[in-house]
C-alpha atoms as a PDB file:
ATOM      1  CA  ARG A   1       0.094   0.189   0.113  1.00  0.00           C
ATOM      2  CA  ALA A   2       1.283   3.613  -0.771  1.00  0.00           C
ATOM      3  CA  ILE A   3      -0.334   7.033  -0.137  1.00  0.00           C
ATOM      4  CA  GLY A   4       0.025  10.013  -2.536  1.00  0.00           C
ATOM      5  CA  ASP A   5      -0.209  13.711  -1.910  1.00  0.00           C
ATOM      6  CA  ALA A   6      -3.334  14.475  -4.237  1.00  0.00           C
ATOM      7  CA  GLY A   7      -6.924  13.582  -3.079  1.00  0.00           C
ATOM      8  CA  TRP A   8     -10.450  14.324  -4.199  1.00  0.00           C
ATOM      9  CA  LYS A   9      -9.679  18.042  -4.275  1.00  0.00           C
ATOM     10  CA  THR A  10      -7.277  17.470  -6.927  1.00  0.00           C
ATOM     11  CA  THR A  11      -8.830  14.720  -8.963  1.00  0.00           C
ATOM     12  CA  GLY A  12     -12.304  14.964  -8.130  1.00  0.00           C
ATOM     13  CA  ARG A  13     -14.185  11.449  -7.204  1.00  0.00           C
ATOM     14  CA  HIS A  14     -17.678  12.365  -8.693  1.00  0.00           C
ATOM     15  CA  THR A  15     -18.272   9.478 -10.894  1.00  0.00           C
ATOM     16  CA  GLY A  16     -15.117   7.049 -10.234  1.00  0.00           C
ATOM     17  CA  LEU A  17     -11.530   6.878  -9.176  1.00  0.00           C
ATOM     18  CA  PRO A  18      -8.628   8.091 -11.337  1.00  0.00           C
ATOM     19  CA  LEU A  19      -6.096   6.032 -13.234  1.00  0.00           C
ATOM     20  CA  VAL A  20      -2.506   6.067 -12.625  1.00  0.00           C
ATOM     21  CA  ASP A  21      -0.813   6.624 -16.147  1.00  0.00           C
ATOM     22  CA  GLY A  22       1.577   4.146 -17.572  1.00  0.00           C
ATOM     23  CA  ARG A  23       1.588   2.178 -14.213  1.00  0.00           C
ATOM     24  CA  ALA A  24      -0.002  -1.075 -14.445  1.00  0.00           C
ATOM     25  CA  ASP A  25       1.638  -1.993 -11.073  1.00  0.00           C
ATOM     26  CA  LEU A  26      -0.178   0.662  -9.062  1.00  0.00           C
ATOM     27  CA  GLU A  27      -4.119   1.020  -8.573  1.00  0.00           C
ATOM     28  CA  VAL A  28      -6.157   3.809  -6.845  1.00  0.00           C
ATOM     29  CA  ILE A  29      -8.310   2.222  -4.218  1.00  0.00           C
ATOM     30  CA  GLY A  30      -9.599   5.187  -2.356  1.00  0.00           C
ATOM     31  CA  LEU A  31      -9.414   9.155  -2.062  1.00  0.00           C
ATOM     32  CA  SER A  32      -9.583  11.445   0.963  1.00  0.00           C
ATOM     33  CA  ALA A  33      -9.647  14.900   0.586  1.00  0.00           C
ATOM     34  CA  GLU A  34      -5.951  15.611   0.440  1.00  0.00           C
ATOM     35  CA  HIS A  35      -4.471  11.789  -0.304  1.00  0.00           C
ATOM     36  CA  THR A  36      -4.899   8.930  -2.961  1.00  0.00           C
ATOM     37  CA  HIS A  37      -4.509   5.355  -1.364  1.00  0.00           C
ATOM     38  CA  TYR A  38      -2.764   2.960  -3.726  1.00  0.00           C
ATOM     39  CA  ALA A  39      -2.742  -0.956  -3.816  1.00  0.00           C
ATOM     40  CA  LEU A  40       0.763  -1.964  -5.122  1.00  0.00           C
ATOM     41  CA  ALA A  41       1.130  -5.175  -7.251  1.00  0.00           C
ATOM     42  CA  PRO A  42       3.967  -7.577  -6.077  1.00  0.00           C
ATOM     43  CA  GLY A  43       7.380  -5.986  -6.954  1.00  0.00           C
ATOM     44  CA  ALA A  44       5.951  -2.488  -7.495  1.00  0.00           C
ATOM     45  CA  GLY A  45       8.767   0.177  -8.002  1.00  0.00           C
ATOM     46  CA  VAL A  46       7.353   3.103  -6.206  1.00  0.00           C
ATOM     47  CA  ARG A  47       9.349   5.150  -3.699  1.00  0.00           C
ATOM     48  CA  PRO A  48       8.849   8.321  -1.671  1.00  0.00           C
ATOM     49  CA  GLY A  49       9.094  11.195  -3.806  1.00  0.00           C
ATOM     50  CA  ASP A  50       8.172   9.573  -7.086  1.00  0.00           C
ATOM     51  CA  LYS A  51       5.955  11.747  -9.483  1.00  0.00           C
ATOM     52  CA  LEU A  52       2.801   9.886 -10.688  1.00  0.00           C
ATOM     53  CA  ARG A  53       0.307  11.212 -13.272  1.00  0.00           C
ATOM     54  CA  LEU A  54      -3.383  10.670 -12.402  1.00  0.00           C
ATOM     55  CA  ILE A  55      -5.978  10.549 -14.928  1.00  0.00           C
ATOM     56  CA  PRO A  56      -9.414  11.886 -13.698  1.00  0.00           C
ATOM     57  CA  HIS A  57     -12.347   9.322 -14.291  1.00  0.00           C
ATOM     58  CA  TYR A  58     -14.544  12.483 -15.208  1.00  0.00           C
ATOM     59  CA  SER A  59     -12.466  15.679 -16.130  1.00  0.00           C
ATOM     60  CA  ASP A  60     -15.481  18.028 -16.720  1.00  0.00           C
ATOM     61  CA  SER A  61     -15.749  18.440 -12.708  1.00  0.00           C
ATOM     62  CA  THR A  62     -12.199  18.206 -12.064  1.00  0.00           C
ATOM     63  CA  VAL A  63     -11.463  21.131 -14.217  1.00  0.00           C
ATOM     64  CA  PHE A  64     -13.313  23.587 -11.979  1.00  0.00           C
ATOM     65  CA  LEU A  65     -11.302  22.472  -8.943  1.00  0.00           C
ATOM     66  CA  HIS A  66      -8.339  24.291 -10.342  1.00  0.00           C
ATOM     67  CA  ARG A  67      -7.477  27.808 -11.197  1.00  0.00           C
ATOM     68  CA  GLN A  68      -5.159  26.684 -14.089  1.00  0.00           C
ATOM     69  CA  LEU A  69      -4.472  24.109 -16.280  1.00  0.00           C
ATOM     70  CA  HIS A  70      -0.960  23.099 -17.609  1.00  0.00           C
ATOM     71  CA  ALA A  71      -0.894  21.749 -21.450  1.00  0.00           C
ATOM     72  CA  ILE A  72       1.981  19.372 -21.446  1.00  0.00           C
ATOM     73  CA  ARG A  73       3.236  17.620 -24.556  1.00  0.00           C
ATOM     74  CA  ASP A  74       6.197  15.032 -24.534  1.00  0.00           C
ATOM     75  CA  GLY A  75       7.290  16.440 -20.706  1.00  0.00           C
ATOM     76  CA  VAL A  76       7.135  20.001 -21.923  1.00  0.00           C
ATOM     77  CA  VAL A  77       4.699  22.551 -20.547  1.00  0.00           C
ATOM     78  CA  GLU A  78       3.475  24.221 -23.692  1.00  0.00           C
ATOM     79  CA  ALA A  79       0.864  26.405 -22.070  1.00  0.00           C
ATOM     80  CA  VAL A  80      -0.813  27.339 -18.969  1.00  0.00           C
ATOM     81  CA  TRP A  81      -4.531  28.101 -19.465  1.00  0.00           C
ATOM     82  CA  PRO A  82      -6.490  30.318 -16.665  1.00  0.00           C
ATOM     83  CA  VAL A  83      -9.815  28.176 -15.572  1.00  0.00           C
ATOM     84  CA  ALA A  84     -12.402  31.446 -15.318  1.00  0.00           C
ATOM     85  CA  ALA A  85     -14.862  29.147 -13.324  1.00  0.00           C
ATOM     86  CA  ALA A  86     -12.515  27.877 -10.912  1.00  0.00           C
ATOM     87  CA  GLY A  87     -14.325  27.166  -7.766  1.00  0.00           C
ATOM     88  CA  MET A  88     -17.910  27.269  -9.398  1.00  0.00           C
ATOM     89  CA  LEU A  89     -18.465  23.622  -9.105  1.00  0.00           C
ATOM     90  CA  GLN A  90     -22.004  23.058  -7.544  1.00  0.00           C
END
């Protein structure tokens, strides 16, 4: 088991749990407000400080939880877009 520093305030949880991008050895099994709870496959190579990319289950409601979005391609931030409706989720 592992705990990550991103919970439902980051990824949303309105319709399901996020996926861990590119990591078949990790599964999100729960979210608290500030933390992600992971199940690890035997031999999973995760260490404190590792960065993981989470894919929200439903992105529409997740967008409104943030003030800006980072557009990333091939590991490079190409743009930062403001979210005018940040905090407007009902």
